[in-house]
Amino acid sequence: MLYLLKQLVPDYYDQFLMRSELIQFIHRNQPVGRRAIALALNCSERVARNEVEQLKKLNLVCVTKQGITLSNNGEMLVSELNHPNPTMDLQMSEFEQEVANRLGARAVKIRSNHNDMNLGLIVSELLESMLPLGQSVVAVAGGTTLLRIANTLSPQLNNGRDINFVPARGGIGNAQYIQANAIADIMANRLGARHESLFVPEQVSEETYRSLEKEPSIHFVLEELKKSLAVLFSIGEANKMLARRSLTDVNAQNRIKQEAVGEAFGVFFNKNGESVEKLARIGLRFNEIQSISYPIAVVTGKEKAKALTAFMHMVPHRHVWLVLDEEISHMILKEPSSF
């Protein structure tokens, strides 16, 4: 809805952002004076006075000798601004609803053609409806799919927000340009947002992991990951992901080759959604997905249908949001339902 408002009536959108920032500022600092409001919003005291008067007419603030505070209605509005309900704004077609029901997804949006701009637009609209104004953390994985999204996200997404893009994992393989660090950097630069870096090998022993996580810079990024409101990731085919990882355990390699159909967050899984091999990794772990409010998986190409179906067996029902293309969506509907 905010995206449509921005496109259709940009003047009202700017006013919406200003008043949202104003009411959030009053919420954090009440009781507060007009001069403090003017400094915080970088506007004149006259503009601040006019905006406060408008909020007073709307019964959102109270003005007393002690300063400006929020009314009960104002407090309720802040709560709604900080806890958006994207499902209310999302309209799925019958096709998308059918795919969502088949996979047990929270919601599904389907790209109508092969234009990468459409893919980035869909993800931008989802994040627009999910992220509150102000600060939020978005975890991002690596890979070619996420690189395509990074280059096509809407630059307006950070308007009124202070997004911090955090890599969901350390390095993997030699392709630096598709690693999570690079993706977070590209997204932040495109939006004028912030980002963190996680300069460590992704795969390490458990003992090494325990040692590295105590390093201040690494500990900081891992703590930021715990604050993630959303995570952007994809799901890989098992054999392709195995080729990208420097796995030295021959037995593990054979198990993956013989049994696994997909991989996500360091876990290789079979067609039934059962773990075949779990790699020790620095970054977001598979079992932490369920604690993130908005996990968004972007999966394209019919060859990933089995991996996607298996993955959806491993996550809580109606928890994951999916961005797909028509190829994989049609393939999913051809298979008998297993949910």
C-alpha atoms as a PDB file:
ATOM      1  CA  MET A   1       0.000   0.000   0.000  1.00  0.00           C
ATOM      2  CA  LEU A   2       2.821   2.438   0.805  1.00  0.00           C
ATOM      3  CA  TYR A   3       4.409   1.666  -2.565  1.00  0.00           C
ATOM      4  CA  LEU A   4       1.145   2.506  -4.379  1.00  0.00           C
ATOM      5  CA  LEU A   5       0.718   5.671  -2.315  1.00  0.00           C
ATOM      6  CA  LYS A   6       4.216   6.747  -3.317  1.00  0.00           C
ATOM      7  CA  GLN A   7       3.496   6.168  -7.003  1.00  0.00           C
ATOM      8  CA  LEU A   8       0.031   7.726  -7.130  1.00  0.00           C
ATOM      9  CA  VAL A   9       0.269  10.678  -4.739  1.00  0.00           C
ATOM     10  CA  PRO A  10       3.946  11.360  -3.961  1.00  0.00           C
ATOM     11  CA  ASP A  11       3.161  14.673  -2.236  1.00  0.00           C
ATOM     12  CA  TYR A  12       0.945  12.906   0.291  1.00  0.00           C
ATOM     13  CA  TYR A  13       3.572  10.189   0.692  1.00  0.00           C
ATOM     14  CA  ASP A  14       6.195  12.764   1.701  1.00  0.00           C
ATOM     15  CA  GLN A  15       3.744  14.229   4.204  1.00  0.00           C
ATOM     16  CA  PHE A  16       3.004  10.731   5.495  1.00  0.00           C
ATOM     17  CA  LEU A  17       6.722  10.105   6.049  1.00  0.00           C
ATOM     18  CA  MET A  18       7.169  13.403   7.872  1.00  0.00           C
ATOM     19  CA  ARG A  19       4.205  12.871  10.197  1.00  0.00           C
ATOM     20  CA  SER A  20       5.214   9.269  10.822  1.00  0.00           C
ATOM     21  CA  GLU A  21       8.699  10.415  11.794  1.00  0.00           C
ATOM     22  CA  LEU A  22       7.169  13.153  13.954  1.00  0.00           C
ATOM     23  CA  ILE A  23       4.846  10.853  15.855  1.00  0.00           C
ATOM     24  CA  GLN A  24       7.647   8.327  16.384  1.00  0.00           C
ATOM     25  CA  PHE A  25       9.903  11.098  17.723  1.00  0.00           C
ATOM     26  CA  ILE A  26       7.234  12.268  20.163  1.00  0.00           C
ATOM     27  CA  HIS A  27       6.683   8.668  21.265  1.00  0.00           C
ATOM     28  CA  ARG A  28      10.390   8.241  22.100  1.00  0.00           C
ATOM     29  CA  ASN A  29      10.935  11.630  23.770  1.00  0.00           C
ATOM     30  CA  GLN A  30       7.614  12.739  25.286  1.00  0.00           C
ATOM     31  CA  PRO A  31       6.953  15.218  26.721  1.00  0.00           C
ATOM     32  CA  VAL A  32       8.825  17.208  24.081  1.00  0.00           C
ATOM     33  CA  GLY A  33       8.866  20.828  22.898  1.00  0.00           C
ATOM     34  CA  ARG A  34       8.418  22.281  19.413  1.00  0.00           C
ATOM     35  CA  ARG A  35      12.042  23.406  19.202  1.00  0.00           C
ATOM     36  CA  ALA A  36      13.282  19.857  19.806  1.00  0.00           C
ATOM     37  CA  ILE A  37      10.842  18.630  17.147  1.00  0.00           C
ATOM     38  CA  ALA A  38      12.098  21.216  14.654  1.00  0.00           C
ATOM     39  CA  LEU A  39      15.715  20.174  15.261  1.00  0.00           C
ATOM     40  CA  ALA A  40      14.893  16.470  14.958  1.00  0.00           C
ATOM     41  CA  LEU A  41      12.929  16.904  11.718  1.00  0.00           C
ATOM     42  CA  ASN A  42      15.330  19.534  10.330  1.00  0.00           C
ATOM     43  CA  CYS A  43      12.528  22.028   9.763  1.00  0.00           C
ATOM     44  CA  SER A  44      11.541  25.470  11.041  1.00  0.00           C
ATOM     45  CA  GLU A  45       9.645  25.921  14.299  1.00  0.00           C
ATOM     46  CA  ARG A  46       6.735  27.295  12.257  1.00  0.00           C
ATOM     47  CA  VAL A  47       6.496  24.057  10.266  1.00  0.00           C
ATOM     48  CA  ALA A  48       6.837  22.034  13.469  1.00  0.00           C
ATOM     49  CA  ARG A  49       4.044  24.070  15.089  1.00  0.00           C
ATOM     50  CA  ASN A  50       1.737  23.540  12.105  1.00  0.00           C
ATOM     51  CA  GLU A  51       2.349  19.802  12.040  1.00  0.00           C
ATOM     52  CA  VAL A  52       1.713  19.474  15.769  1.00  0.00           C
ATOM     53  CA  GLU A  53      -1.548  21.420  15.355  1.00  0.00           C
ATOM     54  CA  GLN A  54      -2.644  19.023  12.630  1.00  0.00           C
ATOM     55  CA  LEU A  55      -1.889  16.021  14.833  1.00  0.00           C
ATOM     56  CA  LYS A  56      -3.797  17.692  17.669  1.00  0.00           C
ATOM     57  CA  LYS A  57      -6.852  18.138  15.416  1.00  0.00           C
ATOM     58  CA  LEU A  58      -6.614  14.428  14.586  1.00  0.00           C
ATOM     59  CA  ASN A  59      -6.621  13.642  18.324  1.00  0.00           C
ATOM     60  CA  LEU A  60      -3.176  12.046  18.104  1.00  0.00           C
ATOM     61  CA  VAL A  61      -1.258  14.364  20.460  1.00  0.00           C
ATOM     62  CA  CYS A  62      -1.897  16.376  23.617  1.00  0.00           C
ATOM     63  CA  VAL A  63      -0.290  19.810  24.128  1.00  0.00           C
ATOM     64  CA  THR A  64       0.285  20.935  27.725  1.00  0.00           C
ATOM     65  CA  LYS A  65       2.657  23.255  29.603  1.00  0.00           C
ATOM     66  CA  GLN A  66       4.936  20.286  30.184  1.00  0.00           C
ATOM     67  CA  GLY A  67       5.240  19.621  26.460  1.00  0.00           C
ATOM     68  CA  ILE A  68       3.730  17.525  23.692  1.00  0.00           C
ATOM     69  CA  THR A  69       2.721  13.921  24.336  1.00  0.00           C
ATOM     70  CA  LEU A  70       0.830  11.267  22.430  1.00  0.00           C
ATOM     71  CA  SER A  71      -2.827  10.572  23.102  1.00  0.00           C
ATOM     72  CA  ASN A  72      -4.119   7.019  23.417  1.00  0.00           C
ATOM     73  CA  ASN A  73      -4.988   7.123  19.708  1.00  0.00           C
ATOM     74  CA  GLY A  74      -1.458   8.308  18.951  1.00  0.00           C
ATOM     75  CA  GLU A  75       0.092   5.456  20.925  1.00  0.00           C
ATOM     76  CA  MET A  76      -2.091   2.949  19.086  1.00  0.00           C
ATOM     77  CA  LEU A  77      -1.015   4.427  15.756  1.00  0.00           C
ATOM     78  CA  VAL A  78       2.680   4.114  16.676  1.00  0.00           C
ATOM     79  CA  SER A  79       2.115   0.474  17.538  1.00  0.00           C
ATOM     80  CA  GLU A  80       0.578  -0.117  14.099  1.00  0.00           C
ATOM     81  CA  LEU A  81       3.446   1.717  12.380  1.00  0.00           C
ATOM     82  CA  ASN A  82       6.007  -0.427  14.208  1.00  0.00           C
ATOM     83  CA  HIS A  83       4.182  -3.714  13.615  1.00  0.00           C
ATOM     84  CA  PRO A  84       2.894  -3.668  10.022  1.00  0.00           C
ATOM     85  CA  ASN A  85       0.698  -6.499   8.768  1.00  0.00           C
ATOM     86  CA  PRO A  86       1.864  -7.156   5.186  1.00  0.00           C
ATOM     87  CA  THR A  87      -0.745  -9.859   4.638  1.00  0.00           C
ATOM     88  CA  MET A  88      -3.448  -7.180   4.730  1.00  0.00           C
ATOM     89  CA  ASP A  89      -1.779  -5.300   1.845  1.00  0.00           C
ATOM     90  CA  LEU A  90      -0.909  -8.356  -0.219  1.00  0.00           C
ATOM     91  CA  GLN A  91      -3.333  -9.480  -2.884  1.00  0.00           C
ATOM     92  CA  MET A  92      -2.627 -12.874  -4.439  1.00  0.00           C
ATOM     93  CA  SER A  93      -4.061 -14.096  -7.718  1.00  0.00           C
ATOM     94  CA  GLU A  94      -5.841 -17.452  -7.814  1.00  0.00           C
ATOM     95  CA  PHE A  95      -2.693 -18.940  -9.350  1.00  0.00           C
ATOM     96  CA  GLU A  96      -0.499 -17.562  -6.542  1.00  0.00           C
ATOM     97  CA  GLN A  97      -2.953 -18.696  -3.879  1.00  0.00           C
ATOM     98  CA  GLU A  98      -2.999 -22.210  -5.343  1.00  0.00           C
ATOM     99  CA  VAL A  99       0.808 -22.405  -5.255  1.00  0.00           C
ATOM    100  CA  ALA A 100       0.856 -21.046  -1.689  1.00  0.00           C
ATOM    101  CA  ASN A 101      -1.644 -23.690  -0.579  1.00  0.00           C
ATOM    102  CA  ARG A 102       0.281 -26.434  -2.341  1.00  0.00           C
ATOM    103  CA  LEU A 103       3.554 -25.507  -0.619  1.00  0.00           C
ATOM    104  CA  GLY A 104       2.225 -24.366   2.742  1.00  0.00           C
ATOM    105  CA  ALA A 105       3.686 -20.872   2.223  1.00  0.00           C
ATOM    106  CA  ARG A 106       2.583 -17.720   4.041  1.00  0.00           C
ATOM    107  CA  ALA A 107       2.181 -16.030   0.665  1.00  0.00           C
ATOM    108  CA  VAL A 108       3.432 -16.356  -2.916  1.00  0.00           C
ATOM    109  CA  LYS A 109       4.174 -13.712  -5.531  1.00  0.00           C
ATOM    110  CA  ILE A 110       4.953 -14.877  -9.061  1.00  0.00           C
ATOM    111  CA  ARG A 111       7.059 -13.004 -11.582  1.00  0.00           C
ATOM    112  CA  SER A 112       5.164 -12.917 -14.851  1.00  0.00           C
ATOM    113  CA  ASN A 113       8.188 -12.947 -17.171  1.00  0.00           C
ATOM    114  CA  HIS A 114      11.972 -13.166 -17.222  1.00  0.00           C
ATOM    115  CA  ASN A 115      12.579  -9.468 -16.568  1.00  0.00           C
ATOM    116  CA  ASP A 116      14.833  -9.149 -13.514  1.00  0.00           C
ATOM    117  CA  MET A 117      13.335  -5.705 -12.832  1.00  0.00           C
ATOM    118  CA  ASN A 118      10.041  -7.429 -12.036  1.00  0.00           C
ATOM    119  CA  LEU A 119      11.819  -9.674  -9.540  1.00  0.00           C
ATOM    120  CA  GLY A 120      13.390  -6.726  -7.737  1.00  0.00           C
ATOM    121  CA  LEU A 121      10.089  -4.833  -7.827  1.00  0.00           C
ATOM    122  CA  ILE A 122       8.215  -7.714  -6.159  1.00  0.00           C
ATOM    123  CA  VAL A 123      10.813  -8.008  -3.384  1.00  0.00           C
ATOM    124  CA  SER A 124      10.786  -4.218  -2.927  1.00  0.00           C
ATOM    125  CA  GLU A 125       7.000  -4.179  -2.566  1.00  0.00           C
ATOM    126  CA  LEU A 126       7.112  -7.002  -0.022  1.00  0.00           C
ATOM    127  CA  LEU A 127       9.781  -5.285   2.072  1.00  0.00           C
ATOM    128  CA  GLU A 128       7.890  -1.990   1.763  1.00  0.00           C
ATOM    129  CA  SER A 129       4.880  -3.620   3.417  1.00  0.00           C
ATOM    130  CA  MET A 130       6.932  -5.511   6.021  1.00  0.00           C
ATOM    131  CA  LEU A 131       9.506  -3.066   7.332  1.00  0.00           C
ATOM    132  CA  PRO A 132       8.406  -0.357   9.768  1.00  0.00           C
ATOM    133  CA  LEU A 133       9.598   3.204   9.398  1.00  0.00           C
ATOM    134  CA  GLY A 134      12.821   3.835  11.266  1.00  0.00           C
ATOM    135  CA  GLN A 135      15.507   1.255  11.953  1.00  0.00           C
ATOM    136  CA  SER A 136      15.362  -2.376  10.870  1.00  0.00           C
ATOM    137  CA  VAL A 137      17.806  -5.159  10.043  1.00  0.00           C
ATOM    138  CA  VAL A 138      17.522  -7.270   6.885  1.00  0.00           C
ATOM    139  CA  ALA A 139      19.715 -10.369   6.585  1.00  0.00           C
ATOM    140  CA  VAL A 140      20.805 -11.296   3.066  1.00  0.00           C
ATOM    141  CA  ALA A 141      22.315 -14.510   1.724  1.00  0.00           C
ATOM    142  CA  GLY A 142      24.527 -14.756  -1.351  1.00  0.00           C
ATOM    143  CA  GLY A 143      24.129 -16.324  -4.774  1.00  0.00           C
ATOM    144  CA  THR A 144      23.262 -15.303  -8.323  1.00  0.00           C
ATOM    145  CA  THR A 145      19.537 -14.909  -7.564  1.00  0.00           C
ATOM    146  CA  LEU A 146      20.204 -12.463  -4.722  1.00  0.00           C
ATOM    147  CA  LEU A 147      22.664 -10.572  -6.929  1.00  0.00           C
ATOM    148  CA  ARG A 148      19.902 -10.016  -9.498  1.00  0.00           C
ATOM    149  CA  ILE A 149      17.623  -8.695  -6.763  1.00  0.00           C
ATOM    150  CA  ALA A 150      20.350  -6.464  -5.302  1.00  0.00           C
ATOM    151  CA  ASN A 151      20.751  -4.727  -8.660  1.00  0.00           C
ATOM    152  CA  THR A 152      17.010  -4.113  -9.103  1.00  0.00           C
ATOM    153  CA  LEU A 153      15.711  -3.162  -5.632  1.00  0.00           C
ATOM    154  CA  SER A 154      13.743   0.079  -5.521  1.00  0.00           C
ATOM    155  CA  PRO A 155      16.019   2.906  -4.252  1.00  0.00           C
ATOM    156  CA  GLN A 156      12.962   4.450  -2.543  1.00  0.00           C
ATOM    157  CA  LEU A 157      12.697   1.513  -0.131  1.00  0.00           C
ATOM    158  CA  ASN A 158      14.914   3.261   2.418  1.00  0.00           C
ATOM    159  CA  ASN A 159      12.828   6.470   2.419  1.00  0.00           C
ATOM    160  CA  GLY A 160      11.730   7.053   5.993  1.00  0.00           C
ATOM    161  CA  ARG A 161      13.712   4.005   7.058  1.00  0.00           C
ATOM    162  CA  ASP A 162      17.183   3.224   8.332  1.00  0.00           C
ATOM    163  CA  ILE A 163      17.807  -0.266   6.944  1.00  0.00           C
ATOM    164  CA  ASN A 164      20.925  -2.205   7.859  1.00  0.00           C
ATOM    165  CA  PHE A 165      21.714  -5.040   5.419  1.00  0.00           C
ATOM    166  CA  VAL A 166      23.648  -7.780   7.181  1.00  0.00           C
ATOM    167  CA  PRO A 167      25.273 -10.797   5.454  1.00  0.00           C
ATOM    168  CA  ALA A 168      23.609 -14.012   6.580  1.00  0.00           C
ATOM    169  CA  ARG A 169      26.824 -16.006   6.157  1.00  0.00           C
ATOM    170  CA  GLY A 170      30.570 -15.771   5.709  1.00  0.00           C
ATOM    171  CA  GLY A 171      32.467 -16.444   2.480  1.00  0.00           C
ATOM    172  CA  ILE A 172      31.827 -19.422   0.222  1.00  0.00           C
ATOM    173  CA  GLY A 173      33.986 -20.502  -2.719  1.00  0.00           C
ATOM    174  CA  ASN A 174      35.993 -18.085  -4.866  1.00  0.00           C
ATOM    175  CA  ALA A 175      33.178 -16.119  -6.531  1.00  0.00           C
ATOM    176  CA  GLN A 176      33.477 -12.973  -4.428  1.00  0.00           C
ATOM    177  CA  TYR A 177      30.846 -11.014  -6.371  1.00  0.00           C
ATOM    178  CA  ILE A 178      27.986 -13.330  -5.325  1.00  0.00           C
ATOM    179  CA  GLN A 179      28.948 -13.682  -1.680  1.00  0.00           C
ATOM    180  CA  ALA A 180      26.638 -12.343   1.000  1.00  0.00           C
ATOM    181  CA  ASN A 181      29.067  -9.546   1.892  1.00  0.00           C
ATOM    182  CA  ALA A 182      28.977  -8.257  -1.696  1.00  0.00           C
ATOM    183  CA  ILE A 183      25.168  -8.545  -1.910  1.00  0.00           C
ATOM    184  CA  ALA A 184      24.696  -6.578   1.328  1.00  0.00           C
ATOM    185  CA  ASP A 185      27.104  -3.922   0.043  1.00  0.00           C
ATOM    186  CA  ILE A 186      25.292  -3.573  -3.314  1.00  0.00           C
ATOM    187  CA  MET A 187      21.854  -3.341  -1.678  1.00  0.00           C
ATOM    188  CA  ALA A 188      23.031  -0.723   0.802  1.00  0.00           C
ATOM    189  CA  ASN A 189      24.694   1.408  -1.877  1.00  0.00           C
ATOM    190  CA  ARG A 190      21.657   1.221  -4.149  1.00  0.00           C
ATOM    191  CA  LEU A 191      19.306   2.342  -1.371  1.00  0.00           C
ATOM    192  CA  GLY A 192      21.595   4.696   0.516  1.00  0.00           C
ATOM    193  CA  ALA A 193      21.289   2.358   3.504  1.00  0.00           C
ATOM    194  CA  ARG A 194      23.780   0.806   5.921  1.00  0.00           C
ATOM    195  CA  HIS A 195      25.449  -2.614   5.762  1.00  0.00           C
ATOM    196  CA  GLU A 196      27.779  -4.821   7.756  1.00  0.00           C
ATOM    197  CA  SER A 197      30.501  -7.244   6.597  1.00  0.00           C
ATOM    198  CA  LEU A 198      31.349 -10.732   7.822  1.00  0.00           C
ATOM    199  CA  PHE A 199      34.886 -11.450   6.654  1.00  0.00           C
ATOM    200  CA  VAL A 200      35.299 -15.038   7.797  1.00  0.00           C
ATOM    201  CA  PRO A 201      35.210 -18.438   6.071  1.00  0.00           C
ATOM    202  CA  GLU A 202      31.666 -19.775   6.047  1.00  0.00           C
ATOM    203  CA  GLN A 203      32.585 -23.370   6.856  1.00  0.00           C
ATOM    204  CA  VAL A 204      34.592 -23.904  10.024  1.00  0.00           C
ATOM    205  CA  SER A 205      34.777 -26.511  12.749  1.00  0.00           C
ATOM    206  CA  GLU A 206      32.563 -26.066  15.785  1.00  0.00           C
ATOM    207  CA  GLU A 207      35.656 -25.364  17.887  1.00  0.00           C
ATOM    208  CA  THR A 208      36.821 -22.641  15.474  1.00  0.00           C
ATOM    209  CA  TYR A 209      33.313 -21.188  15.385  1.00  0.00           C
ATOM    210  CA  ARG A 210      33.230 -20.846  19.179  1.00  0.00           C
ATOM    211  CA  SER A 211      36.582 -19.061  19.058  1.00  0.00           C
ATOM    212  CA  LEU A 212      35.720 -16.728  16.164  1.00  0.00           C
ATOM    213  CA  GLU A 213      32.334 -15.653  17.521  1.00  0.00           C
ATOM    214  CA  LYS A 214      34.128 -14.027  20.455  1.00  0.00           C
ATOM    215  CA  GLU A 215      36.015 -11.658  18.161  1.00  0.00           C
ATOM    216  CA  PRO A 216      34.409  -8.208  18.675  1.00  0.00           C
ATOM    217  CA  SER A 217      33.765  -7.409  14.993  1.00  0.00           C
ATOM    218  CA  ILE A 218      32.337 -10.863  14.284  1.00  0.00           C
ATOM    219  CA  HIS A 219      30.323 -10.903  17.513  1.00  0.00           C
ATOM    220  CA  PHE A 220      28.776  -7.552  16.571  1.00  0.00           C
ATOM    221  CA  VAL A 221      27.569  -8.833  13.172  1.00  0.00           C
ATOM    222  CA  LEU A 222      26.198 -12.046  14.702  1.00  0.00           C
ATOM    223  CA  GLU A 223      24.288  -9.964  17.246  1.00  0.00           C
ATOM    224  CA  GLU A 224      22.890  -7.796  14.441  1.00  0.00           C
ATOM    225  CA  LEU A 225      21.709 -10.963  12.668  1.00  0.00           C
ATOM    226  CA  LYS A 226      19.670 -11.838  15.752  1.00  0.00           C
ATOM    227  CA  LYS A 227      17.774  -8.557  15.283  1.00  0.00           C
ATOM    228  CA  SER A 228      16.786  -9.401  11.686  1.00  0.00           C
ATOM    229  CA  LEU A 229      13.168  -8.629  10.886  1.00  0.00           C
ATOM    230  CA  ALA A 230      13.481 -10.152   7.403  1.00  0.00           C
ATOM    231  CA  VAL A 231      15.898 -12.441   5.574  1.00  0.00           C
ATOM    232  CA  LEU A 232      16.341 -12.670   1.802  1.00  0.00           C
ATOM    233  CA  PHE A 233      17.653 -15.984   0.530  1.00  0.00           C
ATOM    234  CA  SER A 234      17.351 -18.593  -2.178  1.00  0.00           C
ATOM    235  CA  ILE A 235      17.402 -22.391  -2.276  1.00  0.00           C
ATOM    236  CA  GLY A 236      20.076 -24.234  -4.208  1.00  0.00           C
ATOM    237  CA  GLU A 237      20.215 -27.553  -6.007  1.00  0.00           C
ATOM    238  CA  ALA A 238      22.306 -29.971  -3.942  1.00  0.00           C
ATOM    239  CA  ASN A 239      24.909 -30.938  -6.558  1.00  0.00           C
ATOM    240  CA  LYS A 240      25.514 -27.359  -7.661  1.00  0.00           C
ATOM    241  CA  MET A 241      25.892 -26.160  -4.090  1.00  0.00           C
ATOM    242  CA  LEU A 242      28.214 -29.066  -3.275  1.00  0.00           C
ATOM    243  CA  ALA A 243      30.471 -28.021  -6.162  1.00  0.00           C
ATOM    244  CA  ARG A 244      30.724 -24.508  -4.681  1.00  0.00           C
ATOM    245  CA  ARG A 245      31.763 -25.708  -1.243  1.00  0.00           C
ATOM    246  CA  SER A 246      35.187 -26.996  -0.258  1.00  0.00           C
ATOM    247  CA  LEU A 247      33.927 -30.121   1.465  1.00  0.00           C
ATOM    248  CA  THR A 248      36.770 -32.529   2.261  1.00  0.00           C
ATOM    249  CA  ASP A 249      34.745 -35.279   3.956  1.00  0.00           C
ATOM    250  CA  VAL A 250      34.380 -37.934   1.241  1.00  0.00           C
ATOM    251  CA  ASN A 251      31.582 -39.751   3.073  1.00  0.00           C
ATOM    252  CA  ALA A 252      29.620 -36.529   3.382  1.00  0.00           C
ATOM    253  CA  GLN A 253      30.170 -35.815  -0.303  1.00  0.00           C
ATOM    254  CA  ASN A 254      28.808 -39.229  -1.251  1.00  0.00           C
ATOM    255  CA  ARG A 255      25.749 -38.864   0.997  1.00  0.00           C
ATOM    256  CA  ILE A 256      24.941 -35.523  -0.574  1.00  0.00           C
ATOM    257  CA  LYS A 257      25.404 -36.817  -4.119  1.00  0.00           C
ATOM    258  CA  GLN A 258      23.230 -39.874  -3.496  1.00  0.00           C
ATOM    259  CA  GLU A 259      20.461 -38.461  -1.319  1.00  0.00           C
ATOM    260  CA  ALA A 260      20.249 -34.650  -1.276  1.00  0.00           C
ATOM    261  CA  VAL A 261      18.070 -32.585  -3.612  1.00  0.00           C
ATOM    262  CA  GLY A 262      18.632 -29.133  -2.161  1.00  0.00           C
ATOM    263  CA  GLU A 263      20.564 -26.874   0.204  1.00  0.00           C
ATOM    264  CA  ALA A 264      19.818 -23.796   2.296  1.00  0.00           C
ATOM    265  CA  PHE A 265      21.652 -22.213   5.243  1.00  0.00           C
ATOM    266  CA  GLY A 266      24.333 -24.910   5.226  1.00  0.00           C
ATOM    267  CA  VAL A 267      21.869 -27.813   5.401  1.00  0.00           C
ATOM    268  CA  PHE A 268      21.657 -30.361   2.575  1.00  0.00           C
ATOM    269  CA  PHE A 269      18.289 -32.153   2.568  1.00  0.00           C
ATOM    270  CA  ASN A 270      16.546 -34.983   0.736  1.00  0.00           C
ATOM    271  CA  LYS A 271      13.230 -34.985  -1.136  1.00  0.00           C
ATOM    272  CA  ASN A 272      11.318 -35.629   2.105  1.00  0.00           C
ATOM    273  CA  GLY A 273      12.760 -32.538   3.786  1.00  0.00           C
ATOM    274  CA  GLU A 274      15.128 -34.527   5.989  1.00  0.00           C
ATOM    275  CA  SER A 275      18.647 -33.329   6.742  1.00  0.00           C
ATOM    276  CA  VAL A 276      21.345 -35.291   4.911  1.00  0.00           C
ATOM    277  CA  GLU A 277      24.339 -33.201   5.943  1.00  0.00           C
ATOM    278  CA  LYS A 278      24.605 -30.130   8.149  1.00  0.00           C
ATOM    279  CA  LEU A 279      27.695 -27.976   7.787  1.00  0.00           C
ATOM    280  CA  ALA A 280      29.119 -25.919  10.633  1.00  0.00           C
ATOM    281  CA  ARG A 281      28.855 -22.309   9.481  1.00  0.00           C
ATOM    282  CA  ILE A 282      29.310 -18.769  10.698  1.00  0.00           C
ATOM    283  CA  GLY A 283      26.180 -16.736  10.184  1.00  0.00           C
ATOM    284  CA  LEU A 284      22.453 -17.400  10.229  1.00  0.00           C
ATOM    285  CA  ARG A 285      21.603 -21.040  10.904  1.00  0.00           C
ATOM    286  CA  PHE A 286      18.692 -23.039   9.577  1.00  0.00           C
ATOM    287  CA  ASN A 287      16.873 -23.347  12.891  1.00  0.00           C
ATOM    288  CA  GLU A 288      16.943 -19.561  13.329  1.00  0.00           C
ATOM    289  CA  ILE A 289      14.627 -18.978  10.339  1.00  0.00           C
ATOM    290  CA  GLN A 290      11.578 -19.663  12.482  1.00  0.00           C
ATOM    291  CA  SER A 291      12.438 -16.761  14.804  1.00  0.00           C
ATOM    292  CA  ILE A 292      12.553 -14.242  11.931  1.00  0.00           C
ATOM    293  CA  SER A 293       9.250 -12.543  11.183  1.00  0.00           C
ATOM    294  CA  TYR A 294       9.629 -12.362   7.403  1.00  0.00           C
ATOM    295  CA  PRO A 295      11.751 -15.041   5.717  1.00  0.00           C
ATOM    296  CA  ILE A 296      11.578 -14.390   1.957  1.00  0.00           C
ATOM    297  CA  ALA A 297      12.807 -17.140  -0.370  1.00  0.00           C
ATOM    298  CA  VAL A 298      13.339 -16.146  -4.004  1.00  0.00           C
ATOM    299  CA  VAL A 299      13.462 -19.230  -6.215  1.00  0.00           C
ATOM    300  CA  THR A 300      13.370 -19.299 -10.008  1.00  0.00           C
ATOM    301  CA  GLY A 301      13.743 -22.034 -12.625  1.00  0.00           C
ATOM    302  CA  LYS A 302      11.795 -25.290 -12.906  1.00  0.00           C
ATOM    303  CA  GLU A 303      14.937 -27.297 -12.091  1.00  0.00           C
ATOM    304  CA  LYS A 304      14.616 -26.138  -8.454  1.00  0.00           C
ATOM    305  CA  ALA A 305      11.068 -27.441  -7.962  1.00  0.00           C
ATOM    306  CA  LYS A 306      12.119 -30.550  -6.009  1.00  0.00           C
ATOM    307  CA  ALA A 307      14.484 -28.572  -3.812  1.00  0.00           C
ATOM    308  CA  LEU A 308      11.810 -25.979  -3.036  1.00  0.00           C
ATOM    309  CA  THR A 309       9.145 -28.567  -2.222  1.00  0.00           C
ATOM    310  CA  ALA A 310      11.538 -30.425   0.075  1.00  0.00           C
ATOM    311  CA  PHE A 311      12.625 -27.196   1.785  1.00  0.00           C
ATOM    312  CA  MET A 312       9.020 -26.246   2.557  1.00  0.00           C
ATOM    313  CA  HIS A 313       8.661 -29.485   4.522  1.00  0.00           C
ATOM    314  CA  MET A 314      11.443 -28.307   6.842  1.00  0.00           C
ATOM    315  CA  VAL A 315      10.041 -24.924   7.883  1.00  0.00           C
ATOM    316  CA  PRO A 316       6.970 -23.999   9.959  1.00  0.00           C
ATOM    317  CA  HIS A 317       3.696 -24.118   8.035  1.00  0.00           C
ATOM    318  CA  ARG A 318       2.594 -20.737   6.613  1.00  0.00           C
ATOM    319  CA  HIS A 319       5.802 -19.021   7.764  1.00  0.00           C
ATOM    320  CA  VAL A 320       7.885 -18.490   4.612  1.00  0.00           C
ATOM    321  CA  TRP A 321       7.096 -15.929   1.908  1.00  0.00           C
ATOM    322  CA  LEU A 322       7.949 -17.034  -1.634  1.00  0.00           C
ATOM    323  CA  VAL A 323       8.867 -15.059  -4.751  1.00  0.00           C
ATOM    324  CA  LEU A 324       8.808 -17.406  -7.749  1.00  0.00           C
ATOM    325  CA  ASP A 325       8.672 -17.380 -11.529  1.00  0.00           C
ATOM    326  CA  GLU A 326       6.026 -19.023 -13.696  1.00  0.00           C
ATOM    327  CA  GLU A 327       8.285 -21.950 -14.652  1.00  0.00           C
ATOM    328  CA  ILE A 328       8.768 -23.299 -11.149  1.00  0.00           C
ATOM    329  CA  SER A 329       5.197 -22.446 -10.149  1.00  0.00           C
ATOM    330  CA  HIS A 330       3.707 -24.560 -12.948  1.00  0.00           C
ATOM    331  CA  MET A 331       6.119 -27.372 -12.122  1.00  0.00           C
ATOM    332  CA  ILE A 332       5.053 -27.286  -8.460  1.00  0.00           C
ATOM    333  CA  LEU A 333       1.377 -27.656  -9.414  1.00  0.00           C
ATOM    334  CA  LYS A 334       2.143 -30.629 -11.653  1.00  0.00           C
ATOM    335  CA  GLU A 335       3.433 -32.608  -8.688  1.00  0.00           C
ATOM    336  CA  PRO A 336       0.961 -34.313  -6.307  1.00  0.00           C
ATOM    337  CA  SER A 337       0.399 -32.370  -3.098  1.00  0.00           C
ATOM    338  CA  SER A 338       2.399 -33.588  -0.105  1.00  0.00           C
ATOM    339  CA  PHE A 339       1.214 -31.004   2.440  1.00  0.00           C
END
